[in-house]
Protein backbone atom coordinates (compact mmCIF):
# COMPACT_ATOMS: atom_id res chain seq x y z
CA ALA A 1 73.77 148.29 31.44
CA THR A 2 70.52 148.75 29.56
CA ALA A 3 67.91 146.31 28.37
CA ALA A 4 68.26 147.79 24.89
CA ALA A 5 71.93 146.83 24.87
CA ALA A 6 71.03 143.31 25.91
CA GLU A 7 68.28 142.91 23.34
CA GLY A 8 70.44 144.50 20.65
CA ALA A 9 72.99 141.78 21.19
CA ALA A 10 70.71 139.30 19.50
CA GLU A 11 70.32 141.26 16.28
CA GLY A 12 72.45 139.77 13.56
CA ALA A 13 74.05 137.26 15.94
CA VAL A 14 75.31 133.94 14.70
CA PRO A 15 75.93 130.78 16.75
CA GLY A 16 79.36 130.61 18.32
CA ASP A 17 81.42 131.88 21.19
CA ALA A 18 80.66 135.28 22.64
CA SER A 19 81.80 137.34 25.60
CA VAL A 20 80.05 139.49 28.15
CA ARG A 21 81.91 142.74 28.74
CA MET A 22 81.54 145.35 31.46
CA VAL A 23 83.03 148.85 31.48
CA VAL A 24 83.35 150.65 34.82
CA LEU A 25 84.41 154.21 35.71
CA THR A 26 85.87 154.63 39.22
CA ASP A 27 87.50 157.35 41.29
CA ALA A 28 89.72 154.81 43.09
CA GLN A 29 92.46 152.55 41.82
CA LEU A 30 91.16 148.98 41.92
CA LEU A 31 94.40 147.36 40.75
CA GLN A 32 97.54 148.68 42.40
CA GLN A 33 99.55 149.45 39.30
CA ASP A 34 99.73 152.62 37.23
CA ARG A 35 99.07 153.12 33.53
CA PHE A 36 97.94 149.73 32.12
CA CYS A 37 97.26 146.85 34.48
CA VAL A 38 95.88 143.35 33.82
CA CYS A 39 94.68 140.61 36.15
CA PHE A 40 92.72 137.37 35.86
CA ALA A 41 90.05 136.31 38.36
CA GLN A 42 90.23 132.53 38.55
CA PRO A 43 87.00 130.50 38.89
CA SER A 44 88.23 128.77 42.05
CA SER A 45 88.87 132.06 43.86
CA LEU A 46 85.33 133.50 43.74
CA GLY A 47 83.21 130.59 42.54
CA LEU A 48 83.06 131.84 38.96
CA ALA A 49 81.75 129.96 35.94
CA ASN A 50 84.80 130.98 33.89
CA VAL A 51 87.85 133.23 34.08
CA VAL A 52 87.09 136.96 34.20
CA GLN A 53 89.78 139.12 32.62
CA VAL A 54 90.25 142.57 34.13
CA VAL A 55 92.05 145.49 32.48
CA GLN A 56 92.54 148.83 34.25
CA VAL A 57 93.78 152.02 32.57
CA ASP A 58 94.36 155.50 33.98
CA SER A 59 94.70 159.03 32.63
CA THR A 60 98.16 158.37 31.16
CA THR A 61 96.50 156.23 28.46
CA GLY A 62 94.07 159.02 27.50
CA ALA A 63 91.06 156.92 28.53
CA CYS A 64 89.89 159.19 31.36
CA PRO A 65 90.74 162.39 33.28
CA SER A 66 93.36 162.46 35.99
CA GLY A 67 92.10 160.99 39.26
CA TYR A 68 89.82 158.48 37.54
CA TRP A 69 90.24 154.94 36.24
CA VAL A 70 88.44 152.85 33.61
CA VAL A 71 88.15 149.15 34.34
CA TYR A 72 87.17 146.57 31.72
CA LEU A 73 85.87 143.13 32.72
CA ALA A 74 85.35 140.38 30.13
CA GLN A 75 84.28 136.75 30.33
CA ALA A 76 83.88 134.26 27.51
CA VAL A 77 80.57 132.43 27.25
CA GLY A 78 79.86 129.42 25.07
CA GLY A 79 76.79 128.93 22.94
CA PRO A 80 74.23 131.56 21.93
CA PRO A 81 74.79 135.08 23.32
CA PRO A 82 72.75 135.69 26.49
CA VAL A 83 69.76 138.00 25.94
CA GLY A 84 66.76 139.15 27.94
CA ASP A 85 66.80 137.95 31.55
CA GLY A 86 69.73 135.72 30.66
CA PHE A 87 71.82 138.81 30.01
CA TRP A 88 71.44 140.01 33.60
CA ASP A 89 72.20 136.52 34.91
CA GLY A 90 75.35 136.55 32.81
CA LEU A 91 76.69 139.48 34.84
CA ASP A 92 76.83 137.60 38.15
CA ASP A 93 80.53 136.76 37.80
CA HIS A 94 81.38 140.31 36.72
CA ARG A 95 79.59 141.66 39.79
CA LYS A 96 81.45 139.27 42.09
CA VAL A 97 84.81 140.40 40.72
CA LEU A 98 83.86 144.08 40.70
CA ASP A 99 82.47 143.94 44.26
CA THR A 100 85.67 142.26 45.48
CA LEU A 101 87.88 144.89 43.83
CA LEU A 102 85.73 147.77 45.12
CA GLU A 103 85.78 146.36 48.65
CA ARG A 104 89.59 146.28 48.58
CA ALA A 105 89.66 149.86 47.21
CA GLY A 106 87.43 151.28 49.96
CA GLY A 107 83.85 150.46 49.06
CA PRO A 108 81.19 150.54 46.32
CA GLN A 109 80.94 154.34 46.46
CA HIS A 110 84.04 154.48 44.27
CA CYS A 111 82.07 153.00 41.35
CA LEU A 112 80.80 156.06 39.49
CA ALA A 113 79.26 154.40 36.42
CA ALA A 114 79.07 150.96 34.82
CA THR A 115 77.65 149.47 31.65
CA ALA A 116 77.70 146.04 30.07
CA PHE A 117 77.11 144.48 26.69
CA VAL A 118 77.41 141.19 24.82
CA HIS A 119 80.11 140.93 22.21
CA HIS A 120 79.15 138.21 19.74
CA PRO A 121 80.00 137.19 16.16
CA ARG A 122 77.72 138.64 13.50
CA ALA A 123 76.68 137.34 10.14
CA GLY A 124 78.58 139.03 7.34
CA ALA A 125 80.92 140.86 9.71
CA GLY A 126 83.99 140.42 7.54
CA ALA A 127 85.73 143.18 5.61
CA ARG A 128 83.62 144.32 2.68
CA ALA A 129 83.09 147.34 0.48
CA ALA A 130 80.10 149.40 1.65
CA ALA A 131 80.29 152.14 -0.99
CA PRO A 132 82.89 153.53 -3.38
CA GLY A 133 85.85 154.60 -1.28
CA VAL A 134 84.40 153.09 1.93
CA THR A 135 85.44 149.73 3.39
CA ILE A 136 83.88 148.15 6.47
CA CYS A 137 86.41 146.46 8.72
CA PRO A 138 85.74 142.98 10.12
CA ASP A 139 84.59 142.68 13.71
CA PRO A 140 87.33 142.04 16.27
CA PRO A 141 87.48 138.56 17.86
CA CYS A 142 84.69 137.92 20.37
CA THR A 143 86.71 135.91 22.85
CA PRO A 144 88.48 138.02 25.49
CA GLN A 145 92.18 138.38 24.83
CA MET A 146 94.95 140.74 25.86
CA VAL A 147 96.99 140.61 22.66
CA LEU A 148 96.34 141.81 19.12
CA THR A 149 95.86 139.32 16.31
CA ASP A 150 95.63 140.76 12.79
CA GLU A 151 93.87 144.04 13.62
CA VAL A 152 96.91 146.26 13.03
CA ALA A 153 97.95 144.45 9.84
CA HIS A 154 94.41 144.71 8.46
CA ALA A 155 94.24 148.42 9.35
CA LYS A 156 97.54 149.00 7.57
CA ARG A 157 96.29 147.26 4.42
CA LEU A 158 93.15 149.42 4.41
CA PHE A 159 95.21 152.55 5.06
CA LEU A 160 97.52 151.91 2.13
CA HIS A 161 94.59 150.89 -0.10
CA LEU A 162 92.62 154.06 0.64
CA ALA A 163 95.68 156.33 0.51
CA PRO A 164 97.93 154.92 -2.25
CA ASP A 165 100.14 158.01 -2.26
CA LEU A 166 101.27 157.25 1.31
CA THR A 167 103.77 154.64 2.51
CA GLU A 168 104.00 152.25 5.43
CA ASP A 169 106.04 154.85 7.32
CA ASP A 170 102.97 157.12 7.29
CA PHE A 171 100.86 154.52 9.09
CA LEU A 172 100.80 155.10 12.86
CA PRO A 173 103.91 157.30 12.88
CA LYS A 174 105.77 157.21 16.14
CA PRO A 175 105.06 160.31 18.25
CA SER A 176 108.04 162.52 18.98
CA TYR A 177 107.71 161.99 22.74
CA ALA A 178 107.75 158.20 22.24
CA ALA A 179 110.87 158.46 20.07
CA ALA A 180 112.48 160.68 22.72
CA ASP A 181 111.59 158.17 25.44
CA GLU A 182 113.09 155.34 23.38
CA HIS A 183 116.22 157.44 22.77
CA ARG A 184 116.57 158.15 26.48
CA ALA A 185 115.98 154.51 27.32
CA ALA A 186 118.57 153.42 24.74
CA ASN A 187 121.09 155.91 26.14
CA ALA A 188 120.37 154.71 29.66
CA ASP A 189 120.87 151.09 28.57
CA LEU A 190 124.13 152.06 26.83
CA GLU A 191 125.36 153.92 29.88
CA HIS A 192 124.48 150.96 32.08
CA PHE A 193 126.28 148.60 29.69
CA ASN A 194 129.35 150.85 29.59
CA ALA A 195 129.35 151.06 33.38
CA GLU A 196 129.20 147.28 33.64
CA VAL A 197 132.04 146.90 31.11
CA GLN A 198 134.17 149.49 32.92
CA GLY A 199 133.43 147.77 36.21
CA THR A 200 134.47 144.41 34.77
CA ILE A 201 137.68 145.89 33.33
CA GLN A 202 138.46 147.60 36.64
CA ARG A 203 137.88 144.40 38.59
CA GLU A 204 140.15 142.48 36.23
CA GLN A 205 142.84 145.16 36.50
CA ASP A 206 142.59 145.11 40.29
CA ALA A 207 142.90 141.31 40.27
CA VAL A 208 146.00 141.50 38.06
CA ALA A 209 147.52 144.17 40.31
CA ARG A 210 146.84 142.06 43.41
CA ALA A 211 148.40 139.01 41.75
CA ALA A 212 151.48 141.02 40.72
CA GLU A 213 151.79 142.42 44.25
CA ALA A 214 151.54 138.93 45.70
CA MET A 215 154.24 137.67 43.32
CA GLN A 216 156.46 140.60 44.27
CA ARG A 217 156.03 139.81 47.96
CA ARG A 218 156.86 136.16 47.33
CA ALA A 219 159.98 137.19 45.39
CA GLU A 220 161.09 139.52 48.18
CA MET A 221 160.42 136.81 50.75
CA GLY A 222 162.50 134.40 48.67
CA GLU A 223 165.41 136.86 48.64
CA VAL A 224 165.16 137.31 52.41
CA LEU A 225 165.11 133.56 52.97
CA GLY A 226 168.02 133.13 50.56
CA ARG A 227 170.16 135.65 52.43
CA TYR A 228 169.19 134.06 55.77
CA TRP A 229 170.20 130.56 54.70
CA ALA A 230 173.39 131.87 53.11
CA GLU A 231 174.31 133.55 56.37
CA ARG A 232 173.46 130.38 58.29
CA ARG A 233 175.70 128.30 55.99
CA THR A 234 178.55 130.76 56.45
CA ALA A 235 178.14 130.70 60.22
CA LEU A 236 178.09 126.90 60.29
CA GLN A 237 181.18 126.66 58.12
CA GLU A 238 183.01 129.10 60.39
CA SER A 239 181.94 127.05 63.42
CA LEU A 240 183.26 123.84 61.85
CA VAL A 241 186.61 125.49 61.05
CA ALA A 242 186.88 126.75 64.60
CA LEU A 243 186.19 123.28 65.97
CA GLN A 244 188.78 121.72 63.73
CA ASP A 245 191.35 124.23 64.91
């Protein structure tokens, strides 16, 4: 982080919530999950003033080369944005979280670079026309969050306004590899569903076959018992006739 970044945070700031953000480049994976990983450092775990949100991305997101990771740490702060010496004090919680993650990853030598800045609301930061054909987008929300609000919808409106000959389908077109991945995933889901249906049908057919086999055995047993008792009756009748004689 630089003092210029800290002092620059005050320029154009307006009262309200802000957040202190840190960006770190490492050559070790701090969070044990590939691609995009999120975690939350709770105040009770490390004695923090507020929750610190941590996002880690790797080379598959295009944020850094292979073998490196970019880690973002953000913490909401109430009141005026910290500046001057207060800016450095505002990084204590970020350092605690970062030091803990680096220790688990093998040590502080895996931290290659780090910077920090204050993200605060600015006066007149809404969407406005700067010059003919140029529109300035509003600032994103200052409070840390892991989901989009209206950023994409606003970008689409600007896109269609500045390029009226294009349509919504031209905005953020789906890459061919993403469509292929979705197609493969859909086919895999369909195959899995078909396999489950076939398995269910086969189990039901096996159950019906077992029930039919059991009924056949009972029928055969009934015939055997019927012949046995018929023979027993005949033998008894013959015995009675012999006794009478």
